[in-house]
Amino acid sequence: MRKHIIKIAFTGLIALLILAGCSIFSGDKTQDWTVFAIEEEPAIDVQFKLPPQWHVDYAPSIEKIGQWEIALVPPRCSEDQEEDYADNCISLTVNLKALSDFDKNEFLTFASQNITLNPSGGEETIMMGQNTFEVEDLTIQRFNHKLFIGEEEVRMSLFFFDTKSAYYTFITELPYAEREGEVAEQFDLLLNSLEEIK
């Protein structure tokens, strides 16, 4: 009986050490990243970690009241990009609930089907799938689309969630062949660092 208890305790200790090691390892990936938050607008109530060397630019929309546009620019969006920071493949749009006329149900319907890309309706994305996942207390809905720019296949993903005071939509556009590459991996870590400011 005593051997059995020791064996269980030893197994539990090993499992605890493995989990602690995984936790430390995953934390190391964003340890040197800076925390980004828009402090001048309290209704924007989330913050996240920004990968090193990524530029960020943000401003309230001039045309749409209660909407903020945030550009998140990695040095290169694709391996064949010739000049650093010449392309913007990740954006975040924030709509403040108290001010904007954003319609959540309308947006979710739009995101969950093929999206028309031009006025004539001749070009549209191909809806590839959707899923929902949790980060902290936030429920994030992801919608994956495929589109073509010339002959290049691109994956466009929309990530939507809301808080008490705002709606948030991240949009990424990455080459389909690099949909799990370095930029996608860094963006995934960025998403998983999201925290609601309370």
N, C-alpha and C. Protein backbone atom coordinates (compact mmCIF):
# COMPACT_ATOMS: atom_id res chain seq x y z
N MET A 1 0.83 -1.20 0.00
CA MET A 1 0.00 0.00 0.00
C MET A 1 0.87 1.26 0.00
N ARG A 2 1.93 1.22 0.83
CA ARG A 2 2.79 2.39 0.93
C ARG A 2 3.50 2.64 -0.40
N LYS A 3 3.95 1.56 -1.08
CA LYS A 3 4.60 1.69 -2.39
C LYS A 3 3.65 2.34 -3.40
N HIS A 4 2.38 1.94 -3.32
CA HIS A 4 1.37 2.48 -4.23
C HIS A 4 1.21 3.99 -4.03
N ILE A 5 1.17 4.44 -2.77
CA ILE A 5 1.03 5.87 -2.45
C ILE A 5 2.25 6.64 -2.93
N ILE A 6 3.44 6.06 -2.70
CA ILE A 6 4.68 6.72 -3.15
C ILE A 6 4.69 6.83 -4.67
N LYS A 7 4.25 5.77 -5.36
CA LYS A 7 4.20 5.77 -6.83
C LYS A 7 3.26 6.87 -7.34
N ILE A 8 2.08 6.98 -6.71
CA ILE A 8 1.11 8.01 -7.11
C ILE A 8 1.69 9.41 -6.86
N ALA A 9 2.31 9.59 -5.69
CA ALA A 9 2.91 10.90 -5.37
C ALA A 9 4.03 11.25 -6.35
N PHE A 10 4.85 10.26 -6.70
CA PHE A 10 5.95 10.48 -7.64
C PHE A 10 5.42 10.84 -9.03
N THR A 11 4.39 10.11 -9.47
CA THR A 11 3.77 10.40 -10.78
C THR A 11 3.18 11.81 -10.79
N GLY A 12 2.52 12.18 -9.69
CA GLY A 12 1.95 13.53 -9.59
C GLY A 12 3.02 14.61 -9.64
N LEU A 13 4.14 14.35 -8.96
CA LEU A 13 5.26 15.30 -8.95
C LEU A 13 5.83 15.48 -10.36
N ILE A 14 6.01 14.37 -11.08
CA ILE A 14 6.52 14.43 -12.46
C ILE A 14 5.57 15.25 -13.33
N ALA A 15 4.26 14.97 -13.22
CA ALA A 15 3.27 15.71 -14.02
C ALA A 15 3.32 17.20 -13.70
N LEU A 16 3.44 17.54 -12.42
CA LEU A 16 3.52 18.94 -12.01
C LEU A 16 4.75 19.63 -12.58
N LEU A 17 5.88 18.93 -12.56
CA LEU A 17 7.11 19.50 -13.12
C LEU A 17 7.00 19.71 -14.63
N ILE A 18 6.36 18.75 -15.32
CA ILE A 18 6.17 18.89 -16.77
C ILE A 18 5.29 20.10 -17.07
N LEU A 19 4.18 20.24 -16.34
CA LEU A 19 3.28 21.38 -16.56
C LEU A 19 3.98 22.70 -16.25
N ALA A 20 4.74 22.72 -15.18
CA ALA A 20 5.47 23.95 -14.83
C ALA A 20 6.49 24.28 -15.91
N GLY A 21 7.16 23.27 -16.42
CA GLY A 21 8.14 23.47 -17.50
C GLY A 21 7.49 24.01 -18.74
N CYS A 22 6.33 23.47 -19.10
CA CYS A 22 5.60 23.96 -20.28
C CYS A 22 5.18 25.40 -20.07
N SER A 23 4.71 25.71 -18.87
CA SER A 23 4.27 27.07 -18.56
C SER A 23 5.43 28.05 -18.67
N ILE A 24 6.57 27.68 -18.13
CA ILE A 24 7.74 28.55 -18.19
C ILE A 24 8.18 28.73 -19.63
N PHE A 25 8.19 27.62 -20.39
CA PHE A 25 8.64 27.69 -21.78
C PHE A 25 7.73 28.59 -22.61
N SER A 26 6.40 28.44 -22.45
CA SER A 26 5.50 29.26 -23.26
C SER A 26 5.58 30.73 -22.85
N GLY A 27 5.83 30.99 -21.56
CA GLY A 27 5.97 32.36 -21.11
C GLY A 27 7.21 33.02 -21.66
N ASP A 28 8.26 32.25 -21.88
CA ASP A 28 9.52 32.80 -22.39
C ASP A 28 9.36 33.38 -23.79
N LYS A 29 8.43 32.86 -24.57
CA LYS A 29 8.27 33.32 -25.95
C LYS A 29 7.84 34.78 -26.03
N THR A 30 7.12 35.26 -25.03
CA THR A 30 6.65 36.65 -25.06
C THR A 30 7.25 37.49 -23.92
N GLN A 31 8.22 36.94 -23.25
CA GLN A 31 8.79 37.61 -22.08
C GLN A 31 9.34 39.00 -22.40
N ASP A 32 9.97 39.16 -23.56
CA ASP A 32 10.57 40.45 -23.93
C ASP A 32 9.64 41.34 -24.76
N TRP A 33 8.41 40.90 -24.96
CA TRP A 33 7.47 41.69 -25.74
C TRP A 33 6.91 42.82 -24.89
N THR A 34 6.57 43.94 -25.54
CA THR A 34 5.99 45.07 -24.80
C THR A 34 4.47 44.95 -24.79
N VAL A 35 3.86 45.46 -23.74
CA VAL A 35 2.41 45.44 -23.62
C VAL A 35 1.86 46.66 -24.37
N PHE A 36 0.86 46.42 -25.22
CA PHE A 36 0.24 47.50 -25.98
C PHE A 36 -1.18 47.74 -25.48
N ALA A 37 -1.49 48.99 -25.22
CA ALA A 37 -2.85 49.39 -24.84
C ALA A 37 -3.05 50.83 -25.30
N ILE A 38 -4.29 51.17 -25.60
CA ILE A 38 -4.61 52.55 -25.99
C ILE A 38 -5.17 53.24 -24.75
N GLU A 39 -4.30 53.91 -24.05
CA GLU A 39 -4.66 54.48 -22.74
C GLU A 39 -5.53 55.73 -22.85
N GLU A 40 -5.46 56.43 -23.99
CA GLU A 40 -6.23 57.67 -24.10
C GLU A 40 -7.73 57.42 -24.33
N GLU A 41 -8.12 56.17 -24.56
CA GLU A 41 -9.55 55.86 -24.73
C GLU A 41 -9.90 54.71 -23.78
N PRO A 42 -10.44 55.02 -22.59
CA PRO A 42 -10.73 53.99 -21.58
C PRO A 42 -11.72 52.92 -22.06
N ALA A 43 -12.56 53.23 -23.03
CA ALA A 43 -13.53 52.24 -23.52
C ALA A 43 -12.84 51.12 -24.32
N ILE A 44 -11.62 51.37 -24.78
CA ILE A 44 -10.83 50.30 -25.41
C ILE A 44 -10.18 49.56 -24.26
N ASP A 45 -10.82 48.48 -23.85
CA ASP A 45 -10.52 47.85 -22.57
C ASP A 45 -9.78 46.51 -22.67
N VAL A 46 -8.94 46.38 -23.70
CA VAL A 46 -8.06 45.21 -23.78
C VAL A 46 -6.63 45.67 -24.00
N GLN A 47 -5.71 44.80 -23.64
CA GLN A 47 -4.31 45.02 -23.93
C GLN A 47 -3.72 43.68 -24.38
N PHE A 48 -2.58 43.75 -25.07
CA PHE A 48 -1.92 42.53 -25.52
C PHE A 48 -0.44 42.81 -25.69
N LYS A 49 0.33 41.75 -25.82
CA LYS A 49 1.77 41.89 -26.01
C LYS A 49 2.08 42.00 -27.50
N LEU A 50 3.00 42.90 -27.81
CA LEU A 50 3.38 43.17 -29.20
C LEU A 50 4.76 42.58 -29.47
N PRO A 51 4.88 41.77 -30.55
CA PRO A 51 6.19 41.17 -30.86
C PRO A 51 7.26 42.23 -31.10
N PRO A 52 8.51 41.91 -30.79
CA PRO A 52 9.60 42.86 -31.04
C PRO A 52 9.68 43.21 -32.53
N GLN A 53 10.02 44.43 -32.80
CA GLN A 53 10.21 44.94 -34.17
C GLN A 53 8.90 45.16 -34.93
N TRP A 54 7.76 44.82 -34.35
CA TRP A 54 6.49 45.14 -35.00
C TRP A 54 6.19 46.62 -34.75
N HIS A 55 5.73 47.31 -35.79
CA HIS A 55 5.29 48.69 -35.64
C HIS A 55 3.78 48.70 -35.38
N VAL A 56 3.33 49.71 -34.70
CA VAL A 56 1.90 49.86 -34.48
C VAL A 56 1.53 51.32 -34.71
N ASP A 57 0.37 51.51 -35.33
CA ASP A 57 -0.13 52.86 -35.59
C ASP A 57 -1.63 52.82 -35.36
N TYR A 58 -2.18 53.84 -34.72
CA TYR A 58 -3.62 53.81 -34.44
C TYR A 58 -4.18 55.22 -34.40
N ALA A 59 -5.48 55.29 -34.69
CA ALA A 59 -6.18 56.58 -34.64
C ALA A 59 -7.68 56.32 -34.71
N PRO A 60 -8.46 57.24 -34.15
CA PRO A 60 -9.91 57.12 -34.34
C PRO A 60 -10.26 57.41 -35.80
N SER A 61 -11.27 56.73 -36.28
CA SER A 61 -11.71 56.95 -37.67
C SER A 61 -12.32 58.34 -37.81
N ILE A 62 -11.99 59.00 -38.92
CA ILE A 62 -12.55 60.32 -39.20
C ILE A 62 -13.99 60.17 -39.70
N GLU A 63 -14.23 59.10 -40.46
CA GLU A 63 -15.54 58.93 -41.10
C GLU A 63 -16.56 58.22 -40.23
N LYS A 64 -16.11 57.30 -39.36
CA LYS A 64 -17.05 56.50 -38.57
C LYS A 64 -16.89 56.81 -37.08
N ILE A 65 -17.90 57.43 -36.53
CA ILE A 65 -17.86 57.81 -35.11
C ILE A 65 -17.79 56.55 -34.25
N GLY A 66 -16.89 56.59 -33.25
CA GLY A 66 -16.76 55.48 -32.31
C GLY A 66 -15.93 54.32 -32.81
N GLN A 67 -15.27 54.48 -33.94
CA GLN A 67 -14.44 53.40 -34.49
C GLN A 67 -12.97 53.81 -34.45
N TRP A 68 -12.10 52.88 -34.05
CA TRP A 68 -10.66 53.08 -34.04
C TRP A 68 -10.02 52.07 -34.97
N GLU A 69 -9.00 52.52 -35.70
CA GLU A 69 -8.26 51.64 -36.62
C GLU A 69 -6.83 51.48 -36.10
N ILE A 70 -6.41 50.24 -35.94
CA ILE A 70 -5.06 49.95 -35.44
C ILE A 70 -4.35 49.07 -36.48
N ALA A 71 -3.20 49.54 -36.98
CA ALA A 71 -2.39 48.75 -37.91
C ALA A 71 -1.25 48.10 -37.13
N LEU A 72 -1.10 46.81 -37.28
CA LEU A 72 -0.03 46.05 -36.64
C LEU A 72 0.88 45.54 -37.75
N VAL A 73 2.09 46.07 -37.82
CA VAL A 73 2.93 45.83 -39.00
C VAL A 73 4.20 45.06 -38.62
N PRO A 74 4.26 43.77 -38.97
CA PRO A 74 5.52 43.04 -38.76
C PRO A 74 6.55 43.49 -39.79
N PRO A 75 7.83 43.23 -39.56
CA PRO A 75 8.83 43.65 -40.54
C PRO A 75 8.51 43.11 -41.94
N ARG A 76 8.10 41.84 -42.02
CA ARG A 76 7.75 41.25 -43.32
C ARG A 76 6.50 40.38 -43.15
N CYS A 77 5.55 40.58 -44.04
CA CYS A 77 4.33 39.77 -44.02
C CYS A 77 4.52 38.45 -44.75
N SER A 78 5.53 38.38 -45.62
CA SER A 78 5.80 37.15 -46.35
C SER A 78 7.29 37.04 -46.61
N GLU A 79 7.74 35.82 -46.88
CA GLU A 79 9.17 35.58 -47.09
C GLU A 79 9.72 36.33 -48.30
N ASP A 80 8.89 36.52 -49.33
CA ASP A 80 9.39 37.17 -50.55
C ASP A 80 9.18 38.69 -50.56
N GLN A 81 8.73 39.25 -49.44
CA GLN A 81 8.58 40.70 -49.37
C GLN A 81 9.96 41.34 -49.47
N GLU A 82 10.12 42.31 -50.34
CA GLU A 82 11.44 42.86 -50.62
C GLU A 82 11.88 43.94 -49.63
N GLU A 83 10.95 44.72 -49.13
CA GLU A 83 11.31 45.84 -48.26
C GLU A 83 10.58 45.73 -46.92
N ASP A 84 11.31 45.88 -45.83
CA ASP A 84 10.71 45.81 -44.50
C ASP A 84 9.64 46.89 -44.32
N TYR A 85 8.57 46.53 -43.66
CA TYR A 85 7.47 47.43 -43.29
C TYR A 85 6.75 48.05 -44.49
N ALA A 86 6.90 47.44 -45.65
CA ALA A 86 6.23 47.96 -46.84
C ALA A 86 4.81 47.42 -46.99
N ASP A 87 4.46 46.42 -46.19
CA ASP A 87 3.16 45.79 -46.32
C ASP A 87 2.48 45.76 -44.96
N ASN A 88 1.17 45.89 -44.97
CA ASN A 88 0.40 45.82 -43.73
C ASN A 88 -0.58 44.66 -43.84
N CYS A 89 -0.31 43.57 -43.11
CA CYS A 89 -1.13 42.37 -43.25
C CYS A 89 -1.96 42.05 -42.02
N ILE A 90 -1.88 42.89 -40.99
CA ILE A 90 -2.65 42.64 -39.77
C ILE A 90 -3.26 43.96 -39.29
N SER A 91 -4.55 43.93 -39.03
CA SER A 91 -5.21 45.13 -38.54
C SER A 91 -6.18 44.77 -37.42
N LEU A 92 -6.49 45.75 -36.62
CA LEU A 92 -7.49 45.61 -35.56
C LEU A 92 -8.44 46.79 -35.66
N THR A 93 -9.72 46.51 -35.72
CA THR A 93 -10.74 47.55 -35.71
C THR A 93 -11.51 47.45 -34.41
N VAL A 94 -11.67 48.57 -33.75
CA VAL A 94 -12.41 48.62 -32.49
C VAL A 94 -13.62 49.52 -32.68
N ASN A 95 -14.79 49.01 -32.31
CA ASN A 95 -16.02 49.81 -32.35
C ASN A 95 -16.55 49.96 -30.93
N LEU A 96 -16.61 51.20 -30.47
CA LEU A 96 -17.06 51.49 -29.11
C LEU A 96 -18.59 51.36 -29.04
N LYS A 97 -19.05 50.56 -28.11
CA LYS A 97 -20.49 50.27 -28.03
C LYS A 97 -21.33 51.51 -27.77
N ALA A 98 -20.81 52.45 -27.01
CA ALA A 98 -21.59 53.64 -26.66
C ALA A 98 -21.71 54.63 -27.82
N LEU A 99 -20.83 54.52 -28.82
CA LEU A 99 -20.79 55.54 -29.87
C LEU A 99 -21.03 55.02 -31.29
N SER A 100 -20.55 53.84 -31.60
CA SER A 100 -20.60 53.38 -32.99
C SER A 100 -21.94 52.73 -33.32
N ASP A 101 -22.21 52.59 -34.62
CA ASP A 101 -23.45 51.93 -35.04
C ASP A 101 -23.16 50.50 -35.53
N PHE A 102 -22.09 49.89 -35.02
CA PHE A 102 -21.69 48.54 -35.40
C PHE A 102 -22.79 47.55 -35.01
N ASP A 103 -23.13 46.65 -35.96
CA ASP A 103 -24.15 45.62 -35.73
C ASP A 103 -23.46 44.25 -35.64
N LYS A 104 -23.39 43.70 -34.46
CA LYS A 104 -22.69 42.43 -34.22
C LYS A 104 -23.26 41.29 -35.07
N ASN A 105 -24.57 41.13 -35.08
CA ASN A 105 -25.19 40.03 -35.83
C ASN A 105 -24.95 40.16 -37.33
N GLU A 106 -25.03 41.37 -37.82
CA GLU A 106 -24.77 41.62 -39.24
C GLU A 106 -23.32 41.26 -39.59
N PHE A 107 -22.38 41.64 -38.72
CA PHE A 107 -20.98 41.33 -38.97
C PHE A 107 -20.73 39.82 -38.96
N LEU A 108 -21.29 39.10 -37.98
CA LEU A 108 -21.07 37.66 -37.89
C LEU A 108 -21.65 36.93 -39.09
N THR A 109 -22.78 37.41 -39.60
CA THR A 109 -23.35 36.82 -40.82
C THR A 109 -22.42 37.08 -42.00
N PHE A 110 -21.92 38.30 -42.11
CA PHE A 110 -20.98 38.69 -43.17
C PHE A 110 -19.72 37.81 -43.13
N ALA A 111 -19.15 37.63 -41.94
CA ALA A 111 -17.88 36.91 -41.79
C ALA A 111 -18.01 35.41 -42.02
N SER A 112 -19.20 34.87 -41.85
CA SER A 112 -19.38 33.42 -41.89
C SER A 112 -19.78 32.88 -43.26
N GLN A 113 -19.65 33.70 -44.30
CA GLN A 113 -19.94 33.25 -45.66
C GLN A 113 -18.93 33.86 -46.62
N ASN A 114 -18.95 33.43 -47.89
CA ASN A 114 -18.04 34.02 -48.87
C ASN A 114 -18.23 35.54 -48.88
N ILE A 115 -17.13 36.27 -48.96
CA ILE A 115 -17.18 37.74 -48.90
C ILE A 115 -16.90 38.31 -50.28
N THR A 116 -17.79 39.16 -50.76
CA THR A 116 -17.61 39.80 -52.06
C THR A 116 -16.49 40.83 -51.97
N LEU A 117 -15.58 40.81 -52.97
CA LEU A 117 -14.39 41.66 -52.93
C LEU A 117 -14.45 42.87 -53.86
N ASN A 118 -15.39 42.86 -54.81
CA ASN A 118 -15.47 44.01 -55.72
C ASN A 118 -16.93 44.39 -55.98
N PRO A 119 -17.17 45.60 -56.44
CA PRO A 119 -18.55 46.08 -56.62
C PRO A 119 -19.38 45.22 -57.57
N SER A 120 -18.75 44.62 -58.57
CA SER A 120 -19.51 43.83 -59.54
C SER A 120 -19.90 42.46 -58.99
N GLY A 121 -19.27 42.07 -57.89
CA GLY A 121 -19.58 40.76 -57.31
C GLY A 121 -18.87 39.61 -58.00
N GLY A 122 -17.96 39.92 -58.91
CA GLY A 122 -17.27 38.88 -59.67
C GLY A 122 -16.15 38.19 -58.92
N GLU A 123 -15.67 38.83 -57.85
CA GLU A 123 -14.60 38.22 -57.05
C GLU A 123 -15.07 38.10 -55.62
N GLU A 124 -14.82 36.94 -55.02
CA GLU A 124 -15.18 36.74 -53.63
C GLU A 124 -14.25 35.75 -52.96
N THR A 125 -14.23 35.80 -51.64
CA THR A 125 -13.42 34.85 -50.89
C THR A 125 -14.12 33.49 -50.88
N ILE A 126 -13.37 32.47 -50.49
CA ILE A 126 -13.94 31.15 -50.28
C ILE A 126 -13.91 30.90 -48.77
N MET A 127 -15.08 30.71 -48.18
CA MET A 127 -15.16 30.45 -46.75
C MET A 127 -14.58 29.06 -46.47
N MET A 128 -13.54 28.99 -45.62
CA MET A 128 -12.84 27.73 -45.37
C MET A 128 -13.21 27.08 -44.03
N GLY A 129 -13.80 27.84 -43.12
CA GLY A 129 -14.19 27.27 -41.84
C GLY A 129 -14.16 28.29 -40.73
N GLN A 130 -14.74 27.91 -39.60
CA GLN A 130 -14.78 28.80 -38.45
C GLN A 130 -14.72 27.99 -37.18
N ASN A 131 -14.25 28.64 -36.11
CA ASN A 131 -14.22 28.00 -34.81
C ASN A 131 -14.26 29.06 -33.72
N THR A 132 -14.48 28.63 -32.50
CA THR A 132 -14.54 29.51 -31.35
C THR A 132 -13.56 29.00 -30.31
N PHE A 133 -12.84 29.92 -29.66
CA PHE A 133 -11.92 29.52 -28.61
C PHE A 133 -11.88 30.60 -27.53
N GLU A 134 -11.30 30.24 -26.39
CA GLU A 134 -11.25 31.14 -25.24
C GLU A 134 -9.83 31.62 -25.00
N VAL A 135 -9.69 32.89 -24.66
CA VAL A 135 -8.43 33.45 -24.17
C VAL A 135 -8.79 34.26 -22.93
N GLU A 136 -8.27 33.82 -21.78
CA GLU A 136 -8.67 34.42 -20.50
C GLU A 136 -10.20 34.34 -20.41
N ASP A 137 -10.87 35.48 -20.22
CA ASP A 137 -12.34 35.48 -20.14
C ASP A 137 -13.00 35.90 -21.45
N LEU A 138 -12.21 35.96 -22.52
CA LEU A 138 -12.72 36.41 -23.81
C LEU A 138 -13.07 35.22 -24.70
N THR A 139 -14.22 35.27 -25.35
CA THR A 139 -14.61 34.25 -26.32
C THR A 139 -14.36 34.82 -27.71
N ILE A 140 -13.44 34.18 -28.45
CA ILE A 140 -13.04 34.68 -29.76
C ILE A 140 -13.59 33.78 -30.86
N GLN A 141 -14.24 34.39 -31.85
CA GLN A 141 -14.74 33.65 -33.00
C GLN A 141 -13.80 33.90 -34.18
N ARG A 142 -13.36 32.80 -34.81
CA ARG A 142 -12.42 32.91 -35.92
C ARG A 142 -13.09 32.42 -37.21
N PHE A 143 -12.90 33.19 -38.28
CA PHE A 143 -13.45 32.87 -39.59
C PHE A 143 -12.30 32.86 -40.60
N ASN A 144 -12.04 31.72 -41.22
CA ASN A 144 -10.95 31.59 -42.19
C ASN A 144 -11.50 31.63 -43.62
N HIS A 145 -10.87 32.46 -44.45
CA HIS A 145 -11.24 32.59 -45.86
C HIS A 145 -10.00 32.41 -46.72
N LYS A 146 -10.21 31.95 -47.95
CA LYS A 146 -9.13 31.92 -48.94
C LYS A 146 -9.53 32.89 -50.05
N LEU A 147 -8.54 33.65 -50.53
CA LEU A 147 -8.79 34.54 -51.67
C LEU A 147 -7.56 34.54 -52.56
N PHE A 148 -7.70 35.11 -53.73
CA PHE A 148 -6.59 35.17 -54.67
C PHE A 148 -6.27 36.62 -54.99
N ILE A 149 -4.98 36.96 -54.90
CA ILE A 149 -4.50 38.26 -55.37
C ILE A 149 -3.60 37.93 -56.55
N GLY A 150 -4.13 38.18 -57.76
CA GLY A 150 -3.46 37.68 -58.96
C GLY A 150 -3.53 36.16 -58.91
N GLU A 151 -2.38 35.51 -58.96
CA GLU A 151 -2.35 34.06 -58.86
C GLU A 151 -1.96 33.58 -57.46
N GLU A 152 -1.68 34.52 -56.56
CA GLU A 152 -1.25 34.16 -55.22
C GLU A 152 -2.44 33.84 -54.32
N GLU A 153 -2.35 32.69 -53.64
CA GLU A 153 -3.38 32.31 -52.68
C GLU A 153 -3.09 32.99 -51.34
N VAL A 154 -4.11 33.57 -50.77
CA VAL A 154 -3.98 34.29 -49.50
C VAL A 154 -5.02 33.75 -48.52
N ARG A 155 -4.60 33.58 -47.27
CA ARG A 155 -5.59 33.25 -46.24
C ARG A 155 -5.91 34.52 -45.46
N MET A 156 -7.18 34.86 -45.46
CA MET A 156 -7.67 35.98 -44.66
C MET A 156 -8.44 35.40 -43.48
N SER A 157 -8.05 35.79 -42.28
CA SER A 157 -8.75 35.33 -41.07
C SER A 157 -9.30 36.53 -40.33
N LEU A 158 -10.53 36.41 -39.88
CA LEU A 158 -11.17 37.44 -39.06
C LEU A 158 -11.37 36.86 -37.67
N PHE A 159 -10.95 37.61 -36.66
CA PHE A 159 -11.08 37.20 -35.26
C PHE A 159 -11.95 38.23 -34.56
N PHE A 160 -13.09 37.79 -34.06
CA PHE A 160 -14.04 38.73 -33.46
C PHE A 160 -14.31 38.38 -32.00
N PHE A 161 -14.34 39.42 -31.14
CA PHE A 161 -14.79 39.25 -29.76
C PHE A 161 -15.29 40.59 -29.27
N ASP A 162 -16.00 40.57 -28.16
CA ASP A 162 -16.45 41.84 -27.59
C ASP A 162 -16.31 41.80 -26.07
N THR A 163 -16.27 43.00 -25.51
CA THR A 163 -16.20 43.20 -24.07
C THR A 163 -17.41 44.05 -23.68
N LYS A 164 -17.44 44.48 -22.45
CA LYS A 164 -18.56 45.30 -21.98
C LYS A 164 -18.68 46.60 -22.76
N SER A 165 -17.54 47.14 -23.20
CA SER A 165 -17.59 48.48 -23.81
C SER A 165 -17.23 48.56 -25.29
N ALA A 166 -16.76 47.44 -25.90
CA ALA A 166 -16.33 47.55 -27.31
C ALA A 166 -16.38 46.21 -28.04
N TYR A 167 -16.46 46.32 -29.38
CA TYR A 167 -16.34 45.17 -30.28
C TYR A 167 -14.94 45.23 -30.91
N TYR A 168 -14.29 44.09 -31.06
CA TYR A 168 -12.94 44.01 -31.59
C TYR A 168 -12.89 43.04 -32.77
N THR A 169 -12.23 43.45 -33.86
CA THR A 169 -12.05 42.57 -35.01
C THR A 169 -10.61 42.66 -35.51
N PHE A 170 -9.86 41.58 -35.33
CA PHE A 170 -8.55 41.45 -35.96
C PHE A 170 -8.75 40.85 -37.35
N ILE A 171 -8.00 41.34 -38.33
CA ILE A 171 -7.99 40.73 -39.67
C ILE A 171 -6.54 40.50 -40.06
N THR A 172 -6.24 39.25 -40.45
CA THR A 172 -4.90 38.92 -40.95
C THR A 172 -5.02 38.49 -42.40
N GLU A 173 -4.05 38.87 -43.21
CA GLU A 173 -3.96 38.43 -44.60
C GLU A 173 -2.53 37.97 -44.84
N LEU A 174 -2.36 36.64 -44.95
CA LEU A 174 -1.03 36.05 -45.12
C LEU A 174 -1.04 35.09 -46.30
N PRO A 175 0.11 34.94 -46.97
CA PRO A 175 0.16 33.95 -48.06
C PRO A 175 -0.30 32.58 -47.55
N TYR A 176 -1.09 31.89 -48.34
CA TYR A 176 -1.66 30.62 -47.89
C TYR A 176 -0.57 29.63 -47.51
N ALA A 177 0.52 29.63 -48.25
CA ALA A 177 1.62 28.71 -47.97
C ALA A 177 2.32 29.05 -46.65
N GLU A 178 2.13 30.29 -46.15
CA GLU A 178 2.78 30.71 -44.92
C GLU A 178 1.77 30.91 -43.78
N ARG A 179 0.61 30.27 -43.91
CA ARG A 179 -0.45 30.46 -42.92
C ARG A 179 -0.07 29.93 -41.54
N GLU A 180 0.98 29.12 -41.46
CA GLU A 180 1.47 28.65 -40.17
C GLU A 180 2.94 29.05 -39.97
N GLY A 181 3.38 30.08 -40.70
CA GLY A 181 4.76 30.54 -40.64
C GLY A 181 5.03 31.43 -39.44
N GLU A 182 6.15 32.14 -39.49
CA GLU A 182 6.61 32.93 -38.34
C GLU A 182 5.64 34.03 -37.95
N VAL A 183 5.13 34.78 -38.94
CA VAL A 183 4.20 35.87 -38.63
C VAL A 183 2.92 35.32 -38.02
N ALA A 184 2.41 34.22 -38.59
CA ALA A 184 1.20 33.60 -38.05
C ALA A 184 1.43 33.11 -36.62
N GLU A 185 2.59 32.55 -36.37
CA GLU A 185 2.92 32.07 -35.04
C GLU A 185 3.01 33.22 -34.04
N GLN A 186 3.64 34.32 -34.44
CA GLN A 186 3.73 35.49 -33.56
C GLN A 186 2.35 36.08 -33.30
N PHE A 187 1.51 36.12 -34.34
CA PHE A 187 0.16 36.65 -34.14
C PHE A 187 -0.63 35.76 -33.18
N ASP A 188 -0.45 34.45 -33.28
CA ASP A 188 -1.13 33.53 -32.37
C ASP A 188 -0.71 33.80 -30.92
N LEU A 189 0.57 34.04 -30.71
CA LEU A 189 1.05 34.39 -29.36
C LEU A 189 0.48 35.72 -28.90
N LEU A 190 0.40 36.69 -29.83
CA LEU A 190 -0.21 37.98 -29.52
C LEU A 190 -1.66 37.79 -29.05
N LEU A 191 -2.43 37.00 -29.82
CA LEU A 191 -3.83 36.74 -29.47
C LEU A 191 -3.94 36.12 -28.08
N ASN A 192 -3.06 35.17 -27.81
CA ASN A 192 -3.11 34.45 -26.54
C ASN A 192 -2.61 35.29 -25.37
N SER A 193 -2.08 36.48 -25.65
CA SER A 193 -1.67 37.39 -24.57
C SER A 193 -2.76 38.41 -24.25
N LEU A 194 -3.89 38.35 -24.97
CA LEU A 194 -4.98 39.31 -24.74
C LEU A 194 -5.46 39.28 -23.30
N GLU A 195 -5.68 40.47 -22.76
CA GLU A 195 -6.23 40.61 -21.42
C GLU A 195 -7.22 41.74 -21.41
N GLU A 196 -8.32 41.52 -20.73
CA GLU A 196 -9.30 42.60 -20.55
C GLU A 196 -8.83 43.48 -19.40
N ILE A 197 -8.85 44.79 -19.61
CA ILE A 197 -8.47 45.75 -18.57
C ILE A 197 -9.70 46.05 -17.73
N LYS A 198 -9.62 45.77 -16.46
CA LYS A 198 -10.82 45.95 -15.62
C LYS A 198 -10.60 47.01 -14.57
